[in-house]
Amino acid sequence: MLAAAILAAAQALSPAAMEFVDDATDRLIAGEDLAPDFPVRLQELPPDQRLLVIVHLRRAGFLDDVVMPVDWVMSPATPPRAAK
């Protein structure tokens, strides 16, 4: 059942959202926290993708004590940051 849910979620994620989820999963396995800029990176995703990633992060235990206002979650995506 869990494998089916993971497969369904993976099919619904855009490549950018999947990259975020993969990074978070790698950090979880390594015992690390999310990158400090994760809210900025999340804001670059469209609202539907942002919400799916937030659900994944909460289920993974990353956002237990983080409050994300609905208006922020549902706001339009911001342009990606310029690469350094």
Protein backbone atom coordinates (compact mmCIF):
# COMPACT_ATOMS: atom_id res chain seq x y z
CA MET A 1 0.00 0.00 0.00
CA LEU A 2 2.78 2.42 0.93
CA ALA A 3 4.65 1.66 -2.30
CA ALA A 4 1.52 2.48 -4.30
CA ALA A 5 1.16 5.80 -2.49
CA ILE A 6 4.80 6.67 -3.13
CA LEU A 7 4.44 5.78 -6.79
CA ALA A 8 1.29 7.89 -7.13
CA ALA A 9 2.97 10.87 -5.45
CA ALA A 10 6.07 10.53 -7.60
CA GLN A 11 4.01 10.58 -10.76
CA ALA A 12 2.28 13.79 -9.63
CA LEU A 13 5.52 15.64 -8.87
CA SER A 14 7.25 17.88 -11.37
CA PRO A 15 10.98 17.34 -11.92
CA ALA A 16 11.80 20.37 -9.73
CA ALA A 17 9.57 19.10 -6.92
CA MET A 18 11.01 15.60 -7.23
CA GLU A 19 14.52 17.07 -7.00
CA PHE A 20 13.49 18.78 -3.75
CA VAL A 21 12.01 15.54 -2.36
CA ASP A 22 15.09 13.55 -3.36
CA ASP A 23 17.37 16.09 -1.66
CA ALA A 24 15.22 16.00 1.50
CA THR A 25 15.22 12.20 1.50
CA ASP A 26 19.01 12.08 1.11
CA ARG A 27 19.37 14.54 4.00
CA LEU A 28 16.99 12.48 6.15
CA ILE A 29 18.98 9.30 5.52
CA ALA A 30 22.22 11.16 6.33
CA GLY A 31 20.71 12.53 9.56
CA GLU A 32 20.91 16.12 8.35
CA ASP A 33 18.47 19.01 8.50
CA LEU A 34 16.93 20.65 5.46
CA ALA A 35 19.05 23.20 3.63
CA PRO A 36 18.74 26.63 5.26
CA ASP A 37 17.30 28.08 2.04
CA PHE A 38 14.50 25.51 1.76
CA PRO A 39 11.67 28.11 2.05
CA VAL A 40 13.16 30.08 -0.85
CA ARG A 41 13.47 26.92 -2.94
CA LEU A 42 9.91 25.88 -2.05
CA GLN A 43 8.61 29.29 -3.12
CA GLU A 44 10.01 28.66 -6.61
CA LEU A 45 7.57 25.76 -7.07
CA PRO A 46 3.98 26.24 -8.25
CA PRO A 47 1.48 26.08 -5.37
CA ASP A 48 0.23 22.56 -6.17
CA GLN A 49 3.78 21.19 -6.30
CA ARG A 50 4.78 23.17 -3.20
CA LEU A 51 1.91 21.62 -1.27
CA LEU A 52 2.88 18.08 -2.32
CA VAL A 53 6.48 18.69 -1.23
CA ILE A 54 5.32 20.15 2.11
CA VAL A 55 3.20 17.05 2.71
CA HIS A 56 6.24 14.86 2.00
CA LEU A 57 8.44 16.94 4.33
CA ARG A 58 5.87 16.80 7.14
CA ARG A 59 5.48 13.04 6.78
CA ALA A 60 9.26 12.67 6.86
CA GLY A 61 9.32 14.63 10.14
CA PHE A 62 11.11 17.72 8.87
CA LEU A 63 8.37 20.28 9.49
CA ASP A 64 6.97 19.19 12.83
CA ASP A 65 7.31 22.63 14.41
CA VAL A 66 7.20 24.85 11.30
CA VAL A 67 4.13 26.97 10.61
CA MET A 68 3.46 27.75 6.95
CA PRO A 69 0.60 30.18 6.35
CA VAL A 70 -1.92 29.09 3.74
CA ASP A 71 -1.47 32.32 1.77
CA TRP A 72 2.26 31.60 1.48
CA VAL A 73 1.69 27.98 0.45
CA MET A 74 -0.84 29.00 -2.20
CA SER A 75 0.98 32.10 -3.51
CA PRO A 76 2.28 32.06 -7.10
CA ALA A 77 5.75 30.69 -7.75
CA THR A 78 8.64 33.13 -7.64
CA PRO A 79 11.27 33.15 -10.38
CA PRO A 80 14.20 30.80 -9.70
CA ARG A 81 17.28 32.28 -8.12
CA ALA A 82 20.26 33.03 -10.30
CA ALA A 83 22.95 30.37 -10.02
CA LYS A 84 26.18 31.53 -8.38
